[in-house]
């Protein structure tokens, strides 16, 4: 994703969306699974751990990309 063409507001919206989706989806799945299999609170806690892990990874990726662009690293590539 080339961030040069995105203004600051779009980056902030992207950051918020990434955090909300990364935390929210696993948490909702954990709550649903707890209610279905009556294991409260264990699957909710597992969903929270998974969500925090995914959100941290996504934030790290986004911060690295932004830093590389600000530092002028034109040949920066993801390790994907």
N, C-alpha and C. Protein backbone atom coordinates (compact mmCIF):
# COMPACT_ATOMS: atom_id res chain seq x y z
N UNK A 1 0.84 -1.17 0.00
CA UNK A 1 0.00 0.00 0.00
C UNK A 1 0.89 1.24 0.00
N UNK A 2 0.70 2.12 -0.96
CA UNK A 2 1.49 3.34 -1.05
C UNK A 2 0.80 4.44 -0.24
N UNK A 3 1.43 4.83 0.85
CA UNK A 3 0.81 5.80 1.75
C UNK A 3 1.07 7.25 1.31
N UNK A 4 1.92 7.47 0.30
CA UNK A 4 2.23 8.83 -0.12
C UNK A 4 0.99 9.57 -0.59
N UNK A 5 0.05 8.88 -1.16
CA UNK A 5 -1.11 9.56 -1.71
C UNK A 5 -2.23 9.75 -0.69
N UNK A 6 -2.07 9.27 0.52
CA UNK A 6 -3.12 9.39 1.53
C UNK A 6 -2.83 10.55 2.48
N UNK A 7 -3.80 11.43 2.68
CA UNK A 7 -3.59 12.51 3.65
C UNK A 7 -3.66 11.99 5.08
N UNK A 8 -3.34 12.86 6.00
CA UNK A 8 -3.27 12.48 7.41
C UNK A 8 -4.61 11.96 7.94
N UNK A 9 -5.70 12.58 7.55
CA UNK A 9 -7.01 12.15 8.05
C UNK A 9 -7.32 10.71 7.65
N UNK A 10 -6.97 10.34 6.44
CA UNK A 10 -7.22 8.97 5.99
C UNK A 10 -6.35 7.99 6.78
N UNK A 11 -5.14 8.37 7.09
CA UNK A 11 -4.27 7.50 7.90
C UNK A 11 -4.84 7.30 9.30
N UNK A 12 -5.39 8.37 9.87
CA UNK A 12 -5.98 8.26 11.21
C UNK A 12 -7.21 7.36 11.17
N UNK A 13 -8.04 7.51 10.14
CA UNK A 13 -9.21 6.65 10.00
C UNK A 13 -8.78 5.20 9.81
N UNK A 14 -7.74 4.97 9.01
CA UNK A 14 -7.22 3.62 8.81
C UNK A 14 -6.74 3.03 10.13
N UNK A 15 -6.03 3.81 10.91
CA UNK A 15 -5.53 3.34 12.20
C UNK A 15 -6.68 2.95 13.13
N UNK A 16 -7.70 3.80 13.20
CA UNK A 16 -8.85 3.49 14.05
C UNK A 16 -9.59 2.26 13.59
N UNK A 17 -9.77 2.13 12.29
CA UNK A 17 -10.46 0.96 11.74
C UNK A 17 -9.69 -0.32 12.03
N UNK A 18 -8.39 -0.27 11.85
CA UNK A 18 -7.56 -1.46 12.10
C UNK A 18 -7.65 -1.88 13.56
N UNK A 19 -7.56 -0.93 14.47
CA UNK A 19 -7.61 -1.26 15.89
C UNK A 19 -8.99 -1.80 16.28
N UNK A 20 -10.04 -1.14 15.84
CA UNK A 20 -11.39 -1.59 16.20
C UNK A 20 -11.68 -2.98 15.64
N UNK A 21 -11.34 -3.20 14.38
CA UNK A 21 -11.60 -4.51 13.77
C UNK A 21 -10.74 -5.60 14.40
N UNK A 22 -9.47 -5.29 14.64
CA UNK A 22 -8.56 -6.29 15.20
C UNK A 22 -8.94 -6.69 16.62
N UNK A 23 -9.43 -5.75 17.39
CA UNK A 23 -9.84 -6.06 18.76
C UNK A 23 -11.27 -6.57 18.83
N UNK A 24 -12.14 -5.99 18.03
CA UNK A 24 -13.57 -6.29 18.13
C UNK A 24 -13.98 -7.64 17.61
N UNK A 25 -13.49 -8.03 16.46
CA UNK A 25 -13.93 -9.29 15.85
C UNK A 25 -13.57 -10.50 16.72
N UNK A 26 -12.31 -10.67 17.16
CA UNK A 26 -12.03 -11.82 18.03
C UNK A 26 -12.78 -11.77 19.36
N UNK A 27 -13.00 -10.58 19.90
CA UNK A 27 -13.74 -10.46 21.15
C UNK A 27 -15.19 -10.89 20.98
N UNK A 28 -15.83 -10.46 19.90
CA UNK A 28 -17.22 -10.85 19.64
C UNK A 28 -17.31 -12.36 19.42
N UNK A 29 -16.35 -12.92 18.70
CA UNK A 29 -16.35 -14.38 18.48
C UNK A 29 -16.17 -15.10 19.82
N UNK A 30 -15.30 -14.58 20.69
CA UNK A 30 -15.10 -15.19 22.01
C UNK A 30 -16.35 -15.13 22.87
N UNK A 31 -17.05 -14.01 22.84
CA UNK A 31 -18.29 -13.89 23.61
C UNK A 31 -19.34 -14.85 23.07
N UNK A 32 -19.46 -14.92 21.75
CA UNK A 32 -20.42 -15.84 21.14
C UNK A 32 -20.11 -17.29 21.52
N UNK A 33 -18.82 -17.66 21.44
CA UNK A 33 -18.43 -19.04 21.76
C UNK A 33 -18.69 -19.34 23.24
N UNK A 34 -18.45 -18.36 24.11
CA UNK A 34 -18.74 -18.56 25.54
C UNK A 34 -20.22 -18.85 25.78
N UNK A 35 -21.06 -18.10 25.11
CA UNK A 35 -22.50 -18.31 25.29
C UNK A 35 -22.93 -19.64 24.70
N UNK A 36 -22.34 -20.02 23.59
CA UNK A 36 -22.74 -21.26 22.93
C UNK A 36 -22.32 -22.48 23.75
N UNK A 37 -21.07 -22.49 24.23
CA UNK A 37 -20.56 -23.67 24.94
C UNK A 37 -20.49 -23.48 26.45
N UNK A 38 -21.04 -22.39 26.97
CA UNK A 38 -21.11 -22.10 28.41
C UNK A 38 -19.76 -22.26 29.11
N UNK A 39 -18.76 -21.60 28.58
CA UNK A 39 -17.41 -21.65 29.16
C UNK A 39 -16.97 -20.29 29.68
N UNK A 40 -17.92 -19.42 29.99
CA UNK A 40 -17.61 -18.07 30.40
C UNK A 40 -16.65 -18.06 31.58
N UNK A 41 -15.62 -17.28 31.60
CA UNK A 41 -15.13 -16.23 30.72
C UNK A 41 -13.96 -16.66 29.85
N UNK A 42 -13.67 -17.93 29.73
CA UNK A 42 -12.41 -18.38 29.13
C UNK A 42 -12.29 -18.06 27.65
N UNK A 43 -13.33 -18.28 26.89
CA UNK A 43 -13.23 -18.00 25.46
C UNK A 43 -13.26 -16.50 25.17
N UNK A 44 -13.92 -15.74 26.04
CA UNK A 44 -13.86 -14.28 25.90
C UNK A 44 -12.44 -13.79 26.15
N UNK A 45 -11.81 -14.32 27.17
CA UNK A 45 -10.41 -13.95 27.44
C UNK A 45 -9.50 -14.36 26.30
N UNK A 46 -9.73 -15.54 25.74
CA UNK A 46 -8.93 -15.98 24.60
C UNK A 46 -9.14 -15.05 23.41
N UNK A 47 -10.37 -14.63 23.18
CA UNK A 47 -10.65 -13.67 22.11
C UNK A 47 -9.95 -12.35 22.33
N UNK A 48 -9.90 -11.91 23.59
CA UNK A 48 -9.20 -10.66 23.90
C UNK A 48 -7.71 -10.79 23.63
N UNK A 49 -7.12 -11.91 24.02
CA UNK A 49 -5.69 -12.12 23.80
C UNK A 49 -5.38 -12.15 22.30
N UNK A 50 -6.20 -12.87 21.55
CA UNK A 50 -6.00 -12.94 20.10
C UNK A 50 -6.16 -11.55 19.49
N UNK A 51 -7.17 -10.81 19.91
CA UNK A 51 -7.41 -9.47 19.38
C UNK A 51 -6.27 -8.51 19.67
N UNK A 52 -5.77 -8.53 20.89
CA UNK A 52 -4.64 -7.65 21.24
C UNK A 52 -3.40 -8.03 20.44
N UNK A 53 -3.18 -9.32 20.25
CA UNK A 53 -2.02 -9.76 19.46
C UNK A 53 -2.13 -9.29 18.01
N UNK A 54 -3.29 -9.47 17.42
CA UNK A 54 -3.49 -9.04 16.03
C UNK A 54 -3.39 -7.53 15.91
N UNK A 55 -4.00 -6.80 16.84
CA UNK A 55 -3.95 -5.33 16.80
C UNK A 55 -2.53 -4.82 16.94
N UNK A 56 -1.75 -5.43 17.83
CA UNK A 56 -0.36 -5.03 18.01
C UNK A 56 0.44 -5.26 16.73
N UNK A 57 0.25 -6.41 16.11
CA UNK A 57 0.94 -6.68 14.85
C UNK A 57 0.56 -5.71 13.75
N UNK A 58 -0.73 -5.42 13.63
CA UNK A 58 -1.18 -4.47 12.61
C UNK A 58 -0.66 -3.06 12.87
N UNK A 59 -0.66 -2.63 14.12
CA UNK A 59 -0.12 -1.32 14.46
C UNK A 59 1.37 -1.25 14.18
N UNK A 60 2.09 -2.30 14.51
CA UNK A 60 3.52 -2.34 14.25
C UNK A 60 3.80 -2.21 12.75
N UNK A 61 3.03 -2.92 11.94
CA UNK A 61 3.20 -2.85 10.49
C UNK A 61 2.92 -1.43 9.99
N UNK A 62 1.84 -0.82 10.46
CA UNK A 62 1.47 0.52 10.01
C UNK A 62 2.49 1.56 10.44
N UNK A 63 2.99 1.45 11.66
CA UNK A 63 4.00 2.39 12.15
C UNK A 63 5.30 2.24 11.37
N UNK A 64 5.70 1.00 11.09
CA UNK A 64 6.92 0.77 10.30
C UNK A 64 6.80 1.38 8.92
N UNK A 65 5.66 1.20 8.27
CA UNK A 65 5.44 1.76 6.94
C UNK A 65 5.51 3.28 6.97
N UNK A 66 4.86 3.89 7.95
CA UNK A 66 4.85 5.34 8.05
C UNK A 66 6.25 5.87 8.35
N UNK A 67 6.96 5.23 9.25
CA UNK A 67 8.32 5.65 9.57
C UNK A 67 9.23 5.55 8.35
N UNK A 68 9.10 4.47 7.60
CA UNK A 68 9.93 4.29 6.41
C UNK A 68 9.66 5.40 5.40
N UNK A 69 8.42 5.79 5.25
CA UNK A 69 8.10 6.86 4.31
C UNK A 69 8.62 8.20 4.81
N UNK A 70 8.49 8.47 6.10
CA UNK A 70 9.00 9.72 6.64
C UNK A 70 10.52 9.79 6.59
N UNK A 71 11.18 8.66 6.73
CA UNK A 71 12.64 8.62 6.68
C UNK A 71 13.16 8.65 5.25
N UNK A 72 12.27 8.52 4.29
CA UNK A 72 12.68 8.57 2.90
C UNK A 72 13.25 7.28 2.38
N UNK A 73 12.86 6.18 2.95
CA UNK A 73 13.33 4.88 2.49
C UNK A 73 12.47 4.43 1.32
N UNK A 74 12.83 4.86 0.12
CA UNK A 74 12.02 4.55 -1.06
C UNK A 74 12.05 3.08 -1.41
N UNK A 75 13.13 2.40 -1.07
CA UNK A 75 13.23 0.98 -1.42
C UNK A 75 12.76 0.07 -0.29
N UNK A 76 12.00 0.60 0.66
CA UNK A 76 11.47 -0.19 1.77
C UNK A 76 10.48 -1.21 1.24
N UNK A 77 10.63 -2.44 1.69
CA UNK A 77 9.71 -3.50 1.27
C UNK A 77 9.27 -4.28 2.50
N UNK A 78 8.03 -4.75 2.44
CA UNK A 78 7.52 -5.61 3.51
C UNK A 78 8.18 -6.97 3.42
N UNK A 79 8.26 -7.65 4.56
CA UNK A 79 8.78 -9.01 4.58
C UNK A 79 7.64 -10.00 4.45
N UNK A 80 6.80 -9.81 3.46
CA UNK A 80 5.65 -10.69 3.29
C UNK A 80 5.97 -11.83 2.38
